[in-house]
Amino acid sequence: MQKYFFLITTAFLIHAPDLQGQKITIDRNKPDRTEWYADLGFGMLITWSVDVQLSGLTGEDLKGSSADFQEIYFNELPKTFNPQEFDPIRWAKSAKLAGVQYMVFTAKEPNGFCMWDTHTSEFNIMNSAYGKDIMAELGA
């Protein structure tokens, strides 16, 4: 068995440099859209979720977390997530004054929290203290 493993490993190492020299030639980007996006200039990314209440922790911090922490994160944080000062009109006006040419709003965070009324997950804005569809308020 060791001899067989050695032969496979050796064969791979001999041919590995050939693999490194290969280039991926698939480009699904449409050149006109890529140029359009590159020419936009200054943009703004808006991303936030229930974890803003944890003062800097993010969904990434769930990796290796305890069951107790996950229980609080997924079941307790939505109960107190209530962005009462959410004002997309004010955001848009402030962004325009700053020279922002486009805005991107994250509708579903990496932690799974959805900012719209979805029936595919209970971990969404409708099951939070805020209880309103933020995507609908943004006109999306």
C-alpha atoms as a PDB file:
ATOM      1  CA  MET A   1       0.000   0.000   0.000  1.00  0.00           C
ATOM      2  CA  GLN A   2       2.808   2.437   0.844  1.00  0.00           C
ATOM      3  CA  LYS A   3       4.527   1.694  -2.468  1.00  0.00           C
ATOM      4  CA  TYR A   4       1.260   2.393  -4.364  1.00  0.00           C
ATOM      5  CA  PHE A   5       0.776   5.704  -2.498  1.00  0.00           C
ATOM      6  CA  PHE A   6       4.400   6.660  -3.215  1.00  0.00           C
ATOM      7  CA  LEU A   7       3.961   6.030  -6.943  1.00  0.00           C
ATOM      8  CA  ILE A   8       0.783   8.108  -7.149  1.00  0.00           C
ATOM      9  CA  THR A   9       2.346  10.958  -5.170  1.00  0.00           C
ATOM     10  CA  THR A  10       5.493  10.880  -7.297  1.00  0.00           C
ATOM     11  CA  ALA A  11       3.494  10.861 -10.537  1.00  0.00           C
ATOM     12  CA  PHE A  12       1.477  13.851  -9.336  1.00  0.00           C
ATOM     13  CA  LEU A  13       4.556  15.824  -8.330  1.00  0.00           C
ATOM     14  CA  ILE A  14       6.225  15.167 -11.664  1.00  0.00           C
ATOM     15  CA  HIS A  15       3.183  16.531 -13.550  1.00  0.00           C
ATOM     16  CA  ALA A  16       2.253  19.304 -11.085  1.00  0.00           C
ATOM     17  CA  PRO A  17       4.317  21.978 -12.903  1.00  0.00           C
ATOM     18  CA  ASP A  18       2.276  21.272 -16.051  1.00  0.00           C
ATOM     19  CA  LEU A  19      -0.934  21.998 -14.113  1.00  0.00           C
ATOM     20  CA  GLN A  20       0.377  25.290 -12.762  1.00  0.00           C
ATOM     21  CA  GLY A  21       1.096  26.582 -16.261  1.00  0.00           C
ATOM     22  CA  GLN A  22      -2.493  26.131 -17.431  1.00  0.00           C
ATOM     23  CA  LYS A  23      -4.562  29.281 -17.800  1.00  0.00           C
ATOM     24  CA  ILE A  24      -8.290  29.499 -17.363  1.00  0.00           C
ATOM     25  CA  THR A  25      -9.691  31.101 -20.488  1.00  0.00           C
ATOM     26  CA  ILE A  26     -13.386  31.173 -19.588  1.00  0.00           C
ATOM     27  CA  ASP A  27     -14.570  34.763 -19.171  1.00  0.00           C
ATOM     28  CA  ARG A  28     -18.280  35.165 -18.631  1.00  0.00           C
ATOM     29  CA  ASN A  29     -18.022  38.891 -17.964  1.00  0.00           C
ATOM     30  CA  LYS A  30     -19.527  41.028 -20.657  1.00  0.00           C
ATOM     31  CA  PRO A  31     -16.873  43.584 -21.613  1.00  0.00           C
ATOM     32  CA  ASP A  32     -19.372  46.435 -21.971  1.00  0.00           C
ATOM     33  CA  ARG A  33     -20.821  45.781 -18.474  1.00  0.00           C
ATOM     34  CA  THR A  34     -17.361  45.433 -16.958  1.00  0.00           C
ATOM     35  CA  GLU A  35     -16.311  48.751 -18.510  1.00  0.00           C
ATOM     36  CA  TRP A  36     -19.559  50.388 -17.358  1.00  0.00           C
ATOM     37  CA  TYR A  37     -18.963  49.230 -13.785  1.00  0.00           C
ATOM     38  CA  ALA A  38     -15.296  50.261 -13.805  1.00  0.00           C
ATOM     39  CA  ASP A  39     -16.264  53.730 -15.011  1.00  0.00           C
ATOM     40  CA  LEU A  40     -18.824  54.294 -12.250  1.00  0.00           C
ATOM     41  CA  GLY A  41     -16.259  55.574  -9.786  1.00  0.00           C
ATOM     42  CA  PHE A  42     -17.168  56.049  -6.134  1.00  0.00           C
ATOM     43  CA  GLY A  43     -19.694  53.557  -4.775  1.00  0.00           C
ATOM     44  CA  MET A  44     -21.159  52.592  -1.429  1.00  0.00           C
ATOM     45  CA  LEU A  45     -21.717  49.136   0.061  1.00  0.00           C
ATOM     46  CA  ILE A  46     -24.336  48.853   2.789  1.00  0.00           C
ATOM     47  CA  THR A  47     -24.222  45.660   4.792  1.00  0.00           C
ATOM     48  CA  TRP A  48     -25.600  45.069   8.251  1.00  0.00           C
ATOM     49  CA  SER A  49     -27.476  42.423  10.174  1.00  0.00           C
ATOM     50  CA  VAL A  50     -28.586  41.308  13.612  1.00  0.00           C
ATOM     51  CA  ASP A  51     -24.943  40.948  14.651  1.00  0.00           C
ATOM     52  CA  VAL A  52     -24.392  44.726  14.694  1.00  0.00           C
ATOM     53  CA  GLN A  53     -25.734  44.467  18.237  1.00  0.00           C
ATOM     54  CA  LEU A  54     -22.656  42.458  19.223  1.00  0.00           C
ATOM     55  CA  SER A  55     -20.268  45.379  18.726  1.00  0.00           C
ATOM     56  CA  GLY A  56     -18.047  44.166  15.949  1.00  0.00           C
ATOM     57  CA  LEU A  57     -18.703  40.437  15.921  1.00  0.00           C
ATOM     58  CA  THR A  58     -19.897  39.011  12.630  1.00  0.00           C
ATOM     59  CA  GLY A  59     -21.390  35.801  11.319  1.00  0.00           C
ATOM     60  CA  GLU A  60     -17.824  34.609  10.760  1.00  0.00           C
ATOM     61  CA  ASP A  61     -17.525  34.347  14.541  1.00  0.00           C
ATOM     62  CA  LEU A  62     -20.053  31.505  14.499  1.00  0.00           C
ATOM     63  CA  LYS A  63     -17.392  29.052  13.326  1.00  0.00           C
ATOM     64  CA  GLY A  64     -16.565  26.878  16.284  1.00  0.00           C
ATOM     65  CA  SER A  65     -18.957  28.751  18.569  1.00  0.00           C
ATOM     66  CA  SER A  66     -20.885  27.005  21.298  1.00  0.00           C
ATOM     67  CA  ALA A  67     -24.461  25.834  20.946  1.00  0.00           C
ATOM     68  CA  ASP A  68     -25.437  28.420  23.575  1.00  0.00           C
ATOM     69  CA  PHE A  69     -23.933  31.263  21.538  1.00  0.00           C
ATOM     70  CA  GLN A  70     -25.658  30.025  18.371  1.00  0.00           C
ATOM     71  CA  GLU A  71     -28.977  29.848  20.236  1.00  0.00           C
ATOM     72  CA  ILE A  72     -28.604  33.486  21.258  1.00  0.00           C
ATOM     73  CA  TYR A  73     -27.383  34.531  17.816  1.00  0.00           C
ATOM     74  CA  PHE A  74     -30.172  32.952  15.785  1.00  0.00           C
ATOM     75  CA  ASN A  75     -33.067  33.136  18.234  1.00  0.00           C
ATOM     76  CA  GLU A  76     -32.478  36.043  20.611  1.00  0.00           C
ATOM     77  CA  LEU A  77     -30.731  38.693  18.486  1.00  0.00           C
ATOM     78  CA  PRO A  78     -33.636  38.997  16.007  1.00  0.00           C
ATOM     79  CA  LYS A  79     -35.960  39.780  18.927  1.00  0.00           C
ATOM     80  CA  THR A  80     -33.979  42.938  19.686  1.00  0.00           C
ATOM     81  CA  PHE A  81     -32.921  43.905  16.140  1.00  0.00           C
ATOM     82  CA  ASN A  82     -34.901  47.077  15.568  1.00  0.00           C
ATOM     83  CA  PRO A  83     -33.159  49.675  13.390  1.00  0.00           C
ATOM     84  CA  GLN A  84     -35.546  52.486  14.352  1.00  0.00           C
ATOM     85  CA  GLU A  85     -33.410  55.120  12.650  1.00  0.00           C
ATOM     86  CA  PHE A  86     -33.357  53.272   9.322  1.00  0.00           C
ATOM     87  CA  ASP A  87     -33.950  56.064   6.836  1.00  0.00           C
ATOM     88  CA  PRO A  88     -33.068  55.104   3.247  1.00  0.00           C
ATOM     89  CA  ILE A  89     -34.028  58.547   1.935  1.00  0.00           C
ATOM     90  CA  ARG A  90     -31.524  60.193   4.271  1.00  0.00           C
ATOM     91  CA  TRP A  91     -28.916  57.572   3.275  1.00  0.00           C
ATOM     92  CA  ALA A  92     -29.458  58.330  -0.401  1.00  0.00           C
ATOM     93  CA  LYS A  93     -29.255  62.109   0.129  1.00  0.00           C
ATOM     94  CA  SER A  94     -26.069  61.784   2.209  1.00  0.00           C
ATOM     95  CA  ALA A  95     -24.519  59.454  -0.352  1.00  0.00           C
ATOM     96  CA  LYS A  96     -25.353  61.832  -3.197  1.00  0.00           C
ATOM     97  CA  LEU A  97     -23.797  64.753  -1.302  1.00  0.00           C
ATOM     98  CA  ALA A  98     -20.650  62.644  -0.817  1.00  0.00           C
ATOM     99  CA  GLY A  99     -20.443  61.980  -4.549  1.00  0.00           C
ATOM    100  CA  VAL A 100     -21.547  58.343  -4.459  1.00  0.00           C
ATOM    101  CA  GLN A 101     -22.553  57.197  -7.929  1.00  0.00           C
ATOM    102  CA  TYR A 102     -24.025  53.824  -6.989  1.00  0.00           C
ATOM    103  CA  MET A 103     -25.073  51.872  -3.905  1.00  0.00           C
ATOM    104  CA  VAL A 104     -25.071  48.144  -3.239  1.00  0.00           C
ATOM    105  CA  PHE A 105     -27.249  46.848  -0.414  1.00  0.00           C
ATOM    106  CA  THR A 106     -26.656  43.328   0.872  1.00  0.00           C
ATOM    107  CA  ALA A 107     -30.070  41.656   0.931  1.00  0.00           C
ATOM    108  CA  LYS A 108     -28.866  38.398   2.499  1.00  0.00           C
ATOM    109  CA  GLU A 109     -25.898  38.399   4.809  1.00  0.00           C
ATOM    110  CA  PRO A 110     -23.305  35.596   4.903  1.00  0.00           C
ATOM    111  CA  ASN A 111     -24.793  34.589   8.259  1.00  0.00           C
ATOM    112  CA  GLY A 112     -28.063  33.839   6.435  1.00  0.00           C
ATOM    113  CA  PHE A 113     -30.099  36.786   7.731  1.00  0.00           C
ATOM    114  CA  CYS A 114     -32.472  38.041   5.021  1.00  0.00           C
ATOM    115  CA  MET A 115     -33.592  41.668   4.798  1.00  0.00           C
ATOM    116  CA  TRP A 116     -36.853  40.772   3.029  1.00  0.00           C
ATOM    117  CA  ASP A 117     -40.021  38.807   3.675  1.00  0.00           C
ATOM    118  CA  THR A 118     -38.928  35.325   2.665  1.00  0.00           C
ATOM    119  CA  HIS A 119     -40.606  32.035   3.384  1.00  0.00           C
ATOM    120  CA  THR A 120     -37.439  29.997   2.826  1.00  0.00           C
ATOM    121  CA  SER A 121     -35.901  30.928   6.193  1.00  0.00           C
ATOM    122  CA  GLU A 122     -37.248  32.137   9.504  1.00  0.00           C
ATOM    123  CA  PHE A 123     -33.974  34.024  10.053  1.00  0.00           C
ATOM    124  CA  ASN A 124     -35.243  37.196   8.379  1.00  0.00           C
ATOM    125  CA  ILE A 125     -36.256  40.780   9.052  1.00  0.00           C
ATOM    126  CA  MET A 126     -39.936  39.902   9.366  1.00  0.00           C
ATOM    127  CA  ASN A 127     -39.170  37.795  12.445  1.00  0.00           C
ATOM    128  CA  SER A 128     -37.245  40.607  14.109  1.00  0.00           C
ATOM    129  CA  ALA A 129     -38.377  43.411  16.380  1.00  0.00           C
ATOM    130  CA  TYR A 130     -38.362  45.675  13.287  1.00  0.00           C
ATOM    131  CA  GLY A 131     -40.811  43.401  11.474  1.00  0.00           C
ATOM    132  CA  LYS A 132     -40.839  45.276   8.148  1.00  0.00           C
ATOM    133  CA  ASP A 133     -39.461  44.274   4.759  1.00  0.00           C
ATOM    134  CA  ILE A 134     -36.396  46.494   4.332  1.00  0.00           C
ATOM    135  CA  MET A 135     -35.967  45.540   0.668  1.00  0.00           C
ATOM    136  CA  ALA A 136     -39.511  46.707  -0.032  1.00  0.00           C
ATOM    137  CA  GLU A 137     -38.758  49.983   1.782  1.00  0.00           C
ATOM    138  CA  LEU A 138     -35.727  50.434  -0.458  1.00  0.00           C
ATOM    139  CA  GLY A 139     -37.943  49.958  -3.501  1.00  0.00           C
ATOM    140  CA  ALA A 140     -36.224  46.723  -4.500  1.00  0.00           C
END
